[in-house]
Amino acid sequence: MTRMFVNELEDGDNVEETYLLADRQLRANRNGDSYFLSQLRDRTGQISGLLWNVNASAVNHINTGDYVRVKGKVQQFQGNLQMILTRIDSASGDEIDTADYIPQSSTDVEAQFEKLCEILLGITDSDIQSLMQTFLADQEIVEGLKSAPAGVRLHHAYHGGLLDHIVNLAETATRISDLYPNVDINLLLAGIFLHDLGKIRELSYDSTFQYTDEGQLIGHLVMGVEMLSDKIRATEETTGRPFPEETTLRLKHMLLSHHGVYEYGSPKLPMTMEAIALHHLDNLDAKTNEFHSLIESDPNASSNWTPYQPNMQRKLYKGDIE
C-alpha cells in the first residue's frame, strides 16, 4: 500500500499509518481528564495527534524518537489539520524505511561540501586559511557538518541542513562582497563557517532532531567558541607561529553576537562590520528557508494561507492556488 504522507492528508481522511514520534506530552483538559498529545512526523511534515481519555500506563511504552503505528481520523480545528487518534502503539515490529521519516537535503551533500572547501581554502589571509584547514582536517567535524540540521523545527531542519545553510551564506557573502569593500571578506567567510558549527554537538540527529544535554546546558554559541579555541591552538602547533590576537577576538565576537539581540540569546550585540553583516545574512537565509518550509509542508492544500504560526505571530500567504 502507498503510505499516507503528512503533506497529503486532508480533512476527513481515515488514517492507519506509521509515523515518527517527534514529541509526546500527557496533558490534562479543563475537566481534569488526561489526554495524549503527540507530534507525528515524516519527511514531508508534521501533524498533531490527540488521543483522548488516556492514562499514563497506556502510553508509557512509547517515547520521543520511536516509530509509532497510529489509527485515527484527520479533522480541521481552528484552521489546522490534526489527527484524532483511536490507537497509538509502538511500530518496532514493522518494516521501517527511515528515508520516509527523516527530512533530507535536496542538494548533493558531497558537492555542497566540495563547494564549501573551495570557498574556505580560497581565503587569502594565511592565518585564517590555516585555521580553516585545521577544521576541515577533523573528520568528526566534517561528518557532523554533512549530517546535522541547522535547527530542530524551524530553518534547515533536515539532514545536511547546516551545511546548506553555511554554503548559502558563504555564496551570498562572496557575491555581494564588492558592494561592501570595508567588510573584511576573509573574516566574514570564516565567521559564516564557524557561527553555527557548535550545532553538530548541540543537537542529536540520528532518528529525530533533539537537543543534547550539553546543547541544552551550554548552547551552540559557547560551544562554537570552545571549538574555535581548540582549533586555534592546533593551528599554532601546525604552523609554528602564534595566531593573531586581533583575529581571534573578532572571530569569537562574531560567534557570540550573531543572533543579533540579547532576547535571541546573544551575550553580545554585533560591534564590528563583519559581525553585523553575519547577523543579517544569517537571519535572511534562516527566515526565508523557514517561510519556504512552512509553506511547502502545510497539509492544508485548499487554503491560500498557512495556519497561524505562533512563533512568527502571523499566517503565511501561499499565493492563489487556483
C-alpha atoms as a PDB file:
ATOM      1  CA  MET A   1       0.000   0.000   0.000  1.00  0.00           C
ATOM      2  CA  THR A   2       1.052   3.573  -0.683  1.00  0.00           C
ATOM      3  CA  ARG A   3       1.821   5.318   2.597  1.00  0.00           C
ATOM      4  CA  MET A   4      -0.114   8.407   3.649  1.00  0.00           C
ATOM      5  CA  PHE A   5       2.437  11.189   3.925  1.00  0.00           C
ATOM      6  CA  VAL A   6       1.615  14.125   6.176  1.00  0.00           C
ATOM      7  CA  ASN A   7       1.536  16.660   3.351  1.00  0.00           C
ATOM      8  CA  GLU A   8      -1.104  14.550   1.556  1.00  0.00           C
ATOM      9  CA  LEU A   9      -3.559  14.312   4.457  1.00  0.00           C
ATOM     10  CA  GLU A  10      -6.947  16.003   4.061  1.00  0.00           C
ATOM     11  CA  ASP A  11      -9.848  16.802   6.350  1.00  0.00           C
ATOM     12  CA  GLY A  12     -11.916  13.645   6.874  1.00  0.00           C
ATOM     13  CA  ASP A  13      -9.198  11.147   5.942  1.00  0.00           C
ATOM     14  CA  ASN A  14      -9.185   7.874   7.866  1.00  0.00           C
ATOM     15  CA  VAL A  15      -5.593   7.013   8.676  1.00  0.00           C
ATOM     16  CA  GLU A  16      -3.812   3.847   9.684  1.00  0.00           C
ATOM     17  CA  GLU A  17      -0.130   4.554   9.237  1.00  0.00           C
ATOM     18  CA  THR A  18       3.334   4.603  10.793  1.00  0.00           C
ATOM     19  CA  TYR A  19       4.995   7.901  11.749  1.00  0.00           C
ATOM     20  CA  LEU A  20       7.969   9.105  13.746  1.00  0.00           C
ATOM     21  CA  LEU A  21       7.001  10.352  17.215  1.00  0.00           C
ATOM     22  CA  ALA A  22       8.703  13.741  17.247  1.00  0.00           C
ATOM     23  CA  ASP A  23       7.264  14.801  20.618  1.00  0.00           C
ATOM     24  CA  ARG A  24       4.880  13.475  23.268  1.00  0.00           C
ATOM     25  CA  GLN A  25       3.025  15.051  26.181  1.00  0.00           C
ATOM     26  CA  LEU A  26       0.436  13.709  28.604  1.00  0.00           C
ATOM     27  CA  ARG A  27      -1.857  16.618  29.435  1.00  0.00           C
ATOM     28  CA  ALA A  28      -4.983  17.320  31.433  1.00  0.00           C
ATOM     29  CA  ASN A  29      -8.044  19.020  29.939  1.00  0.00           C
ATOM     30  CA  ARG A  30     -10.245  21.518  31.758  1.00  0.00           C
ATOM     31  CA  ASN A  31     -12.215  18.686  33.340  1.00  0.00           C
ATOM     32  CA  GLY A  32      -9.069  17.091  34.719  1.00  0.00           C
ATOM     33  CA  ASP A  33      -9.146  14.137  32.308  1.00  0.00           C
ATOM     34  CA  SER A  34      -5.841  13.116  30.707  1.00  0.00           C
ATOM     35  CA  TYR A  35      -5.155  13.132  27.000  1.00  0.00           C
ATOM     36  CA  PHE A  36      -2.074  12.275  24.961  1.00  0.00           C
ATOM     37  CA  LEU A  37      -0.712  14.917  22.577  1.00  0.00           C
ATOM     38  CA  SER A  38       1.734  13.592  20.016  1.00  0.00           C
ATOM     39  CA  GLN A  39       3.627  15.198  17.161  1.00  0.00           C
ATOM     40  CA  LEU A  40       3.657  12.775  14.243  1.00  0.00           C
ATOM     41  CA  ARG A  41       6.309  13.353  11.611  1.00  0.00           C
ATOM     42  CA  ASP A  42       7.508  12.009   8.314  1.00  0.00           C
ATOM     43  CA  ARG A  43       9.849  13.520   5.745  1.00  0.00           C
ATOM     44  CA  THR A  44       7.089  15.741   4.340  1.00  0.00           C
ATOM     45  CA  GLY A  45       5.889  17.441   7.517  1.00  0.00           C
ATOM     46  CA  GLN A  46       4.341  17.099  10.947  1.00  0.00           C
ATOM     47  CA  ILE A  47       0.817  16.854  12.348  1.00  0.00           C
ATOM     48  CA  SER A  48      -0.570  16.787  15.895  1.00  0.00           C
ATOM     49  CA  GLY A  49      -2.240  13.573  17.027  1.00  0.00           C
ATOM     50  CA  LEU A  50      -4.584  13.567  20.035  1.00  0.00           C
ATOM     51  CA  LEU A  51      -5.709  10.510  21.981  1.00  0.00           C
ATOM     52  CA  TRP A  52      -8.475  11.364  24.443  1.00  0.00           C
ATOM     53  CA  ASN A  53      -9.147   9.846  27.872  1.00  0.00           C
ATOM     54  CA  VAL A  54      -5.890   8.009  28.300  1.00  0.00           C
ATOM     55  CA  ASN A  55      -3.810   7.267  31.377  1.00  0.00           C
ATOM     56  CA  ALA A  56      -0.038   7.249  31.667  1.00  0.00           C
ATOM     57  CA  SER A  57       0.299   3.475  31.755  1.00  0.00           C
ATOM     58  CA  ALA A  58      -1.274   3.192  28.296  1.00  0.00           C
ATOM     59  CA  VAL A  59       1.416   5.308  26.613  1.00  0.00           C
ATOM     60  CA  ASN A  60       4.478   4.891  28.854  1.00  0.00           C
ATOM     61  CA  HIS A  61       5.965   2.349  26.458  1.00  0.00           C
ATOM     62  CA  ILE A  62       6.380   4.838  23.602  1.00  0.00           C
ATOM     63  CA  ASN A  63       8.939   7.620  23.672  1.00  0.00           C
ATOM     64  CA  THR A  64      10.081  10.550  21.584  1.00  0.00           C
ATOM     65  CA  GLY A  65      12.108   9.235  18.660  1.00  0.00           C
ATOM     66  CA  ASP A  66      10.128   5.995  18.399  1.00  0.00           C
ATOM     67  CA  TYR A  67       8.271   4.886  15.296  1.00  0.00           C
ATOM     68  CA  VAL A  68       4.578   4.525  16.110  1.00  0.00           C
ATOM     69  CA  ARG A  69       1.612   2.948  14.384  1.00  0.00           C
ATOM     70  CA  VAL A  70      -1.495   5.101  14.676  1.00  0.00           C
ATOM     71  CA  LYS A  71      -5.146   4.810  13.735  1.00  0.00           C
ATOM     72  CA  GLY A  72      -7.349   7.858  13.589  1.00  0.00           C
ATOM     73  CA  LYS A  73      -9.184  10.474  11.552  1.00  0.00           C
ATOM     74  CA  VAL A  74      -7.977  13.824  10.252  1.00  0.00           C
ATOM     75  CA  GLN A  75     -10.042  16.860  11.151  1.00  0.00           C
ATOM     76  CA  GLN A  76      -9.696  20.595  10.813  1.00  0.00           C
ATOM     77  CA  PHE A  77      -9.592  22.639  14.008  1.00  0.00           C
ATOM     78  CA  GLN A  78      -9.098  26.415  14.053  1.00  0.00           C
ATOM     79  CA  GLY A  79      -7.529  26.364  10.603  1.00  0.00           C
ATOM     80  CA  ASN A  80      -5.139  23.499  11.367  1.00  0.00           C
ATOM     81  CA  LEU A  81      -5.322  19.856  10.439  1.00  0.00           C
ATOM     82  CA  GLN A  82      -4.963  17.469  13.354  1.00  0.00           C
ATOM     83  CA  MET A  83      -5.488  13.754  13.815  1.00  0.00           C
ATOM     84  CA  ILE A  84      -7.910  12.393  16.409  1.00  0.00           C
ATOM     85  CA  LEU A  85      -6.464   9.021  17.370  1.00  0.00           C
ATOM     86  CA  THR A  86      -8.214   5.868  18.469  1.00  0.00           C
ATOM     87  CA  ARG A  87      -4.927   3.978  18.839  1.00  0.00           C
ATOM     88  CA  ILE A  88      -1.201   4.619  19.068  1.00  0.00           C
ATOM     89  CA  ASP A  89       1.363   1.904  19.633  1.00  0.00           C
ATOM     90  CA  SER A  90       4.969   1.019  19.000  1.00  0.00           C
ATOM     91  CA  ALA A  91       5.834   0.132  15.412  1.00  0.00           C
ATOM     92  CA  SER A  92       9.001  -1.703  16.414  1.00  0.00           C
ATOM     93  CA  GLY A  93       7.887  -4.872  14.633  1.00  0.00           C
ATOM     94  CA  ASP A  94       7.062  -3.080  11.384  1.00  0.00           C
ATOM     95  CA  GLU A  95       9.389  -2.824   8.423  1.00  0.00           C
ATOM     96  CA  ILE A  96      10.718   0.727   8.602  1.00  0.00           C
ATOM     97  CA  ASP A  97      12.295   2.663   5.743  1.00  0.00           C
ATOM     98  CA  THR A  98      13.975   5.561   7.546  1.00  0.00           C
ATOM     99  CA  ALA A  99      14.064   7.579   4.322  1.00  0.00           C
ATOM    100  CA  ASP A 100      10.288   8.017   4.694  1.00  0.00           C
ATOM    101  CA  TYR A 101      10.651   9.773   8.034  1.00  0.00           C
ATOM    102  CA  ILE A 102      13.848  11.829   8.223  1.00  0.00           C
ATOM    103  CA  PRO A 103      13.958  15.040   6.163  1.00  0.00           C
ATOM    104  CA  GLN A 104      16.937  15.068   3.799  1.00  0.00           C
ATOM    105  CA  SER A 105      18.696  17.785   1.871  1.00  0.00           C
ATOM    106  CA  SER A 106      17.542  18.310  -1.709  1.00  0.00           C
ATOM    107  CA  THR A 107      21.147  19.099  -2.638  1.00  0.00           C
ATOM    108  CA  ASP A 108      24.100  16.747  -3.080  1.00  0.00           C
ATOM    109  CA  VAL A 109      25.882  16.753   0.282  1.00  0.00           C
ATOM    110  CA  GLU A 110      29.291  15.868  -1.156  1.00  0.00           C
ATOM    111  CA  ALA A 111      29.002  18.545  -3.833  1.00  0.00           C
ATOM    112  CA  GLN A 112      27.985  21.092  -1.188  1.00  0.00           C
ATOM    113  CA  PHE A 113      30.970  20.147   0.946  1.00  0.00           C
ATOM    114  CA  GLU A 114      33.355  20.481  -2.012  1.00  0.00           C
ATOM    115  CA  LYS A 115      31.883  23.904  -2.691  1.00  0.00           C
ATOM    116  CA  LEU A 116      32.434  24.914   0.930  1.00  0.00           C
ATOM    117  CA  CYS A 117      36.051  23.702   0.856  1.00  0.00           C
ATOM    118  CA  GLU A 118      36.696  25.684  -2.313  1.00  0.00           C
ATOM    119  CA  ILE A 119      35.348  28.853  -0.707  1.00  0.00           C
ATOM    120  CA  LEU A 120      37.221  28.438   2.583  1.00  0.00           C
ATOM    121  CA  LEU A 121      40.511  27.437   1.015  1.00  0.00           C
ATOM    122  CA  GLY A 122      40.230  30.470  -1.240  1.00  0.00           C
ATOM    123  CA  ILE A 123      40.563  32.770   1.778  1.00  0.00           C
ATOM    124  CA  THR A 124      43.607  34.953   1.170  1.00  0.00           C
ATOM    125  CA  ASP A 125      44.565  35.621   4.795  1.00  0.00           C
ATOM    126  CA  SER A 126      47.153  32.902   5.514  1.00  0.00           C
ATOM    127  CA  ASP A 127      46.352  32.612   9.242  1.00  0.00           C
ATOM    128  CA  ILE A 128      42.605  32.278   8.695  1.00  0.00           C
ATOM    129  CA  GLN A 129      43.126  29.848   5.834  1.00  0.00           C
ATOM    130  CA  SER A 130      45.356  27.687   8.051  1.00  0.00           C
ATOM    131  CA  LEU A 131      42.627  27.719  10.709  1.00  0.00           C
ATOM    132  CA  MET A 132      40.042  26.633   8.160  1.00  0.00           C
ATOM    133  CA  GLN A 133      42.324  23.786   7.037  1.00  0.00           C
ATOM    134  CA  THR A 134      42.597  22.624  10.645  1.00  0.00           C
ATOM    135  CA  PHE A 135      38.811  22.438  10.942  1.00  0.00           C
ATOM    136  CA  LEU A 136      38.408  20.670   7.599  1.00  0.00           C
ATOM    137  CA  ALA A 137      41.007  18.060   8.589  1.00  0.00           C
ATOM    138  CA  ASP A 138      38.870  16.999  11.584  1.00  0.00           C
ATOM    139  CA  GLN A 139      36.771  14.090  10.285  1.00  0.00           C
ATOM    140  CA  GLU A 140      34.384  14.186  13.246  1.00  0.00           C
ATOM    141  CA  ILE A 141      33.538  17.798  12.437  1.00  0.00           C
ATOM    142  CA  VAL A 142      33.262  17.054   8.714  1.00  0.00           C
ATOM    143  CA  GLU A 143      30.872  14.136   9.251  1.00  0.00           C
ATOM    144  CA  GLY A 144      28.793  16.172  11.692  1.00  0.00           C
ATOM    145  CA  LEU A 145      28.648  19.043   9.232  1.00  0.00           C
ATOM    146  CA  LYS A 146      27.358  16.738   6.491  1.00  0.00           C
ATOM    147  CA  SER A 147      24.634  15.244   8.723  1.00  0.00           C
ATOM    148  CA  ALA A 148      23.459  17.930  11.145  1.00  0.00           C
ATOM    149  CA  PRO A 149      20.360  20.064  10.662  1.00  0.00           C
ATOM    150  CA  ALA A 150      20.616  23.797  11.278  1.00  0.00           C
ATOM    151  CA  GLY A 151      17.582  23.655  13.559  1.00  0.00           C
ATOM    152  CA  VAL A 152      15.242  21.226  15.286  1.00  0.00           C
ATOM    153  CA  ARG A 153      11.966  22.500  13.825  1.00  0.00           C
ATOM    154  CA  LEU A 154      12.482  25.836  12.113  1.00  0.00           C
ATOM    155  CA  HIS A 155      15.086  26.632   9.463  1.00  0.00           C
ATOM    156  CA  HIS A 156      17.005  23.973   7.524  1.00  0.00           C
ATOM    157  CA  ALA A 157      15.600  21.241   9.794  1.00  0.00           C
ATOM    158  CA  TYR A 158      16.825  18.265   7.785  1.00  0.00           C
ATOM    159  CA  HIS A 159      19.951  16.131   7.461  1.00  0.00           C
ATOM    160  CA  GLY A 160      22.606  18.273   5.787  1.00  0.00           C
ATOM    161  CA  GLY A 161      20.675  21.437   6.602  1.00  0.00           C
ATOM    162  CA  LEU A 162      23.579  23.008   8.492  1.00  0.00           C
ATOM    163  CA  LEU A 163      25.874  22.526   5.503  1.00  0.00           C
ATOM    164  CA  ASP A 164      23.286  24.014   3.118  1.00  0.00           C
ATOM    165  CA  HIS A 165      22.836  27.000   5.434  1.00  0.00           C
ATOM    166  CA  ILE A 166      26.582  27.684   5.680  1.00  0.00           C
ATOM    167  CA  VAL A 167      27.134  27.334   1.927  1.00  0.00           C
ATOM    168  CA  ASN A 168      24.183  29.650   1.176  1.00  0.00           C
ATOM    169  CA  LEU A 169      25.636  32.315   3.454  1.00  0.00           C
ATOM    170  CA  ALA A 170      29.160  31.926   2.058  1.00  0.00           C
ATOM    171  CA  GLU A 171      27.979  32.171  -1.549  1.00  0.00           C
ATOM    172  CA  THR A 172      25.826  35.207  -0.757  1.00  0.00           C
ATOM    173  CA  ALA A 173      28.710  36.946   1.007  1.00  0.00           C
ATOM    174  CA  THR A 174      31.053  36.225  -1.898  1.00  0.00           C
ATOM    175  CA  ARG A 175      28.603  37.564  -4.470  1.00  0.00           C
ATOM    176  CA  ILE A 176      27.958  40.862  -2.662  1.00  0.00           C
ATOM    177  CA  SER A 177      31.456  41.447  -1.274  1.00  0.00           C
ATOM    178  CA  ASP A 178      32.304  44.087  -3.909  1.00  0.00           C
ATOM    179  CA  LEU A 179      29.340  46.170  -2.679  1.00  0.00           C
ATOM    180  CA  TYR A 180      30.798  46.309   0.843  1.00  0.00           C
ATOM    181  CA  PRO A 181      34.567  46.804   0.420  1.00  0.00           C
ATOM    182  CA  ASN A 182      35.014  47.835   4.062  1.00  0.00           C
ATOM    183  CA  VAL A 183      33.812  44.426   5.283  1.00  0.00           C
ATOM    184  CA  ASP A 184      36.739  42.003   5.584  1.00  0.00           C
ATOM    185  CA  ILE A 185      35.564  39.116   3.396  1.00  0.00           C
ATOM    186  CA  ASN A 186      38.149  36.740   4.900  1.00  0.00           C
ATOM    187  CA  LEU A 187      36.842  37.323   8.416  1.00  0.00           C
ATOM    188  CA  LEU A 188      33.240  37.187   7.241  1.00  0.00           C
ATOM    189  CA  LEU A 189      33.665  33.852   5.445  1.00  0.00           C
ATOM    190  CA  ALA A 190      35.392  32.344   8.477  1.00  0.00           C
ATOM    191  CA  GLY A 191      32.624  33.650  10.746  1.00  0.00           C
ATOM    192  CA  ILE A 192      29.981  32.189   8.434  1.00  0.00           C
ATOM    193  CA  PHE A 193      31.644  28.785   8.614  1.00  0.00           C
ATOM    194  CA  LEU A 194      32.027  28.931  12.386  1.00  0.00           C
ATOM    195  CA  HIS A 195      28.846  30.671  13.550  1.00  0.00           C
ATOM    196  CA  ASP A 196      26.625  27.565  13.875  1.00  0.00           C
ATOM    197  CA  LEU A 197      29.311  24.879  13.945  1.00  0.00           C
ATOM    198  CA  GLY A 198      28.574  24.174  17.614  1.00  0.00           C
ATOM    199  CA  LYS A 199      25.247  22.690  16.472  1.00  0.00           C
ATOM    200  CA  ILE A 200      26.977  19.458  15.495  1.00  0.00           C
ATOM    201  CA  ARG A 201      27.321  18.913  19.267  1.00  0.00           C
ATOM    202  CA  GLU A 202      24.303  20.911  20.421  1.00  0.00           C
ATOM    203  CA  LEU A 203      21.879  18.664  18.529  1.00  0.00           C
ATOM    204  CA  SER A 204      21.330  14.934  18.143  1.00  0.00           C
ATOM    205  CA  TYR A 205      20.129  13.944  14.693  1.00  0.00           C
ATOM    206  CA  ASP A 206      20.080  10.183  14.241  1.00  0.00           C
ATOM    207  CA  SER A 207      16.349   9.406  14.150  1.00  0.00           C
ATOM    208  CA  THR A 208      14.764  12.620  15.364  1.00  0.00           C
ATOM    209  CA  PHE A 209      16.171  16.086  15.958  1.00  0.00           C
ATOM    210  CA  GLN A 210      16.604  16.960  19.630  1.00  0.00           C
ATOM    211  CA  TYR A 211      18.946  18.909  21.876  1.00  0.00           C
ATOM    212  CA  THR A 212      21.707  17.015  23.631  1.00  0.00           C
ATOM    213  CA  ASP A 213      22.228  17.567  27.360  1.00  0.00           C
ATOM    214  CA  GLU A 214      25.340  19.595  26.524  1.00  0.00           C
ATOM    215  CA  GLY A 215      23.352  21.578  23.994  1.00  0.00           C
ATOM    216  CA  GLN A 216      20.598  22.399  26.477  1.00  0.00           C
ATOM    217  CA  LEU A 217      23.022  23.406  29.231  1.00  0.00           C
ATOM    218  CA  ILE A 218      25.613  25.313  27.194  1.00  0.00           C
ATOM    219  CA  GLY A 219      24.310  26.105  23.707  1.00  0.00           C
ATOM    220  CA  HIS A 220      25.983  26.309  20.322  1.00  0.00           C
ATOM    221  CA  LEU A 221      27.337  29.851  20.688  1.00  0.00           C
ATOM    222  CA  VAL A 222      29.587  28.976  23.627  1.00  0.00           C
ATOM    223  CA  MET A 223      30.285  25.510  22.243  1.00  0.00           C
ATOM    224  CA  GLY A 224      31.403  27.109  18.995  1.00  0.00           C
ATOM    225  CA  VAL A 225      33.832  29.401  20.824  1.00  0.00           C
ATOM    226  CA  GLU A 226      35.247  26.373  22.661  1.00  0.00           C
ATOM    227  CA  MET A 227      35.755  24.550  19.358  1.00  0.00           C
ATOM    228  CA  LEU A 228      37.383  27.646  17.882  1.00  0.00           C
ATOM    229  CA  SER A 229      39.819  27.967  20.803  1.00  0.00           C
ATOM    230  CA  ASP A 230      40.796  24.300  20.441  1.00  0.00           C
ATOM    231  CA  LYS A 231      41.456  24.658  16.719  1.00  0.00           C
ATOM    232  CA  ILE A 232      43.428  27.880  17.146  1.00  0.00           C
ATOM    233  CA  ARG A 233      45.786  26.014  19.478  1.00  0.00           C
ATOM    234  CA  ALA A 234      46.047  23.163  16.976  1.00  0.00           C
ATOM    235  CA  THR A 235      46.723  25.622  14.152  1.00  0.00           C
ATOM    236  CA  GLU A 236      49.513  27.250  16.159  1.00  0.00           C
ATOM    237  CA  GLU A 237      51.117  23.843  16.676  1.00  0.00           C
ATOM    238  CA  THR A 238      50.896  23.089  12.958  1.00  0.00           C
ATOM    239  CA  THR A 239      52.167  26.438  11.676  1.00  0.00           C
ATOM    240  CA  GLY A 240      54.689  27.071  14.468  1.00  0.00           C
ATOM    241  CA  ARG A 241      53.535  30.665  14.892  1.00  0.00           C
ATOM    242  CA  PRO A 242      51.016  32.393  17.175  1.00  0.00           C
ATOM    243  CA  PHE A 243      47.564  33.037  15.818  1.00  0.00           C
ATOM    244  CA  PRO A 244      46.818  36.803  15.687  1.00  0.00           C
ATOM    245  CA  GLU A 245      45.032  38.008  18.849  1.00  0.00           C
ATOM    246  CA  GLU A 246      43.030  40.585  16.900  1.00  0.00           C
ATOM    247  CA  THR A 247      41.692  37.918  14.544  1.00  0.00           C
ATOM    248  CA  THR A 248      40.854  35.661  17.480  1.00  0.00           C
ATOM    249  CA  LEU A 249      38.859  38.420  19.177  1.00  0.00           C
ATOM    250  CA  ARG A 250      36.970  39.308  16.019  1.00  0.00           C
ATOM    251  CA  LEU A 251      36.075  35.705  15.233  1.00  0.00           C
ATOM    252  CA  LYS A 252      34.916  34.968  18.788  1.00  0.00           C
ATOM    253  CA  HIS A 253      32.878  38.163  18.794  1.00  0.00           C
ATOM    254  CA  MET A 254      31.145  37.127  15.571  1.00  0.00           C
ATOM    255  CA  LEU A 255      30.154  33.795  17.082  1.00  0.00           C
ATOM    256  CA  LEU A 256      28.848  35.327  20.311  1.00  0.00           C
ATOM    257  CA  SER A 257      26.896  38.137  18.641  1.00  0.00           C
ATOM    258  CA  HIS A 258      25.433  36.547  15.514  1.00  0.00           C
ATOM    259  CA  HIS A 259      21.918  36.212  16.967  1.00  0.00           C
ATOM    260  CA  GLY A 260      21.917  39.983  16.927  1.00  0.00           C
ATOM    261  CA  VAL A 261      19.925  40.852  20.042  1.00  0.00           C
ATOM    262  CA  TYR A 262      20.012  39.846  23.687  1.00  0.00           C
ATOM    263  CA  GLU A 263      16.496  38.364  23.661  1.00  0.00           C
ATOM    264  CA  TYR A 264      17.561  35.824  20.999  1.00  0.00           C
ATOM    265  CA  GLY A 265      20.439  34.587  23.123  1.00  0.00           C
ATOM    266  CA  SER A 266      23.376  36.722  22.038  1.00  0.00           C
ATOM    267  CA  PRO A 267      25.525  37.634  25.052  1.00  0.00           C
ATOM    268  CA  LYS A 268      26.916  40.497  22.956  1.00  0.00           C
ATOM    269  CA  LEU A 269      25.455  42.794  20.311  1.00  0.00           C
ATOM    270  CA  PRO A 270      27.311  42.971  16.971  1.00  0.00           C
ATOM    271  CA  MET A 271      30.053  45.580  17.298  1.00  0.00           C
ATOM    272  CA  THR A 272      32.073  45.086  14.099  1.00  0.00           C
ATOM    273  CA  MET A 273      31.085  45.382  10.448  1.00  0.00           C
ATOM    274  CA  GLU A 274      31.724  41.688   9.904  1.00  0.00           C
ATOM    275  CA  ALA A 275      29.565  40.780  12.906  1.00  0.00           C
ATOM    276  CA  ILE A 276      26.582  42.863  11.784  1.00  0.00           C
ATOM    277  CA  ALA A 277      26.929  41.525   8.235  1.00  0.00           C
ATOM    278  CA  LEU A 278      26.954  37.950   9.546  1.00  0.00           C
ATOM    279  CA  HIS A 279      23.877  38.572  11.674  1.00  0.00           C
ATOM    280  CA  HIS A 280      21.787  39.915   8.808  1.00  0.00           C
ATOM    281  CA  LEU A 281      22.949  37.321   6.283  1.00  0.00           C
ATOM    282  CA  ASP A 282      22.197  34.575   8.818  1.00  0.00           C
ATOM    283  CA  ASN A 283      18.750  35.977   9.538  1.00  0.00           C
ATOM    284  CA  LEU A 284      17.929  36.385   5.848  1.00  0.00           C
ATOM    285  CA  ASP A 285      18.771  32.784   4.999  1.00  0.00           C
ATOM    286  CA  ALA A 286      17.133  31.334   8.114  1.00  0.00           C
ATOM    287  CA  LYS A 287      13.860  33.233   7.744  1.00  0.00           C
ATOM    288  CA  THR A 288      13.404  32.695   4.008  1.00  0.00           C
ATOM    289  CA  ASN A 289      14.071  28.980   4.466  1.00  0.00           C
ATOM    290  CA  GLU A 290      11.629  28.840   7.374  1.00  0.00           C
ATOM    291  CA  PHE A 291       8.917  30.507   5.278  1.00  0.00           C
ATOM    292  CA  HIS A 292       9.565  28.096   2.405  1.00  0.00           C
ATOM    293  CA  SER A 293       9.460  25.042   4.672  1.00  0.00           C
ATOM    294  CA  LEU A 294       6.210  26.068   6.363  1.00  0.00           C
ATOM    295  CA  ILE A 295       4.537  26.760   3.026  1.00  0.00           C
ATOM    296  CA  GLU A 296       5.763  23.537   1.413  1.00  0.00           C
ATOM    297  CA  SER A 297       4.860  21.310   4.371  1.00  0.00           C
ATOM    298  CA  ASP A 298       1.424  22.814   5.076  1.00  0.00           C
ATOM    299  CA  PRO A 299      -1.108  19.967   4.727  1.00  0.00           C
ATOM    300  CA  ASN A 300      -3.995  22.434   4.192  1.00  0.00           C
ATOM    301  CA  ALA A 301      -3.795  22.168   0.412  1.00  0.00           C
ATOM    302  CA  SER A 302      -7.067  24.006  -0.267  1.00  0.00           C
ATOM    303  CA  SER A 303      -6.062  27.210   1.530  1.00  0.00           C
ATOM    304  CA  ASN A 304      -4.106  30.178   0.160  1.00  0.00           C
ATOM    305  CA  TRP A 305      -2.747  30.665   3.675  1.00  0.00           C
ATOM    306  CA  THR A 306      -0.874  28.561   6.174  1.00  0.00           C
ATOM    307  CA  PRO A 307      -2.310  28.235   9.682  1.00  0.00           C
ATOM    308  CA  TYR A 308      -1.342  30.925  12.167  1.00  0.00           C
ATOM    309  CA  GLN A 309       2.298  30.495  13.166  1.00  0.00           C
ATOM    310  CA  PRO A 310       2.570  31.414  16.872  1.00  0.00           C
ATOM    311  CA  ASN A 311       6.353  31.872  16.824  1.00  0.00           C
ATOM    312  CA  MET A 312       6.005  34.359  13.946  1.00  0.00           C
ATOM    313  CA  GLN A 313       2.701  35.904  15.096  1.00  0.00           C
ATOM    314  CA  ARG A 314       1.292  35.656  11.560  1.00  0.00           C
ATOM    315  CA  LYS A 315      -0.081  33.429   8.831  1.00  0.00           C
ATOM    316  CA  LEU A 316       1.957  32.988   5.652  1.00  0.00           C
ATOM    317  CA  TYR A 317       0.496  33.662   2.223  1.00  0.00           C
ATOM    318  CA  LYS A 318       0.982  30.772  -0.182  1.00  0.00           C
ATOM    319  CA  GLY A 319      -0.493  32.565  -3.190  1.00  0.00           C
ATOM    320  CA  ASP A 320      -3.508  31.926  -5.367  1.00  0.00           C
ATOM    321  CA  ILE A 321      -3.629  28.135  -5.635  1.00  0.00           C
ATOM    322  CA  GLU A 322      -6.224  28.034  -8.432  1.00  0.00           C
END
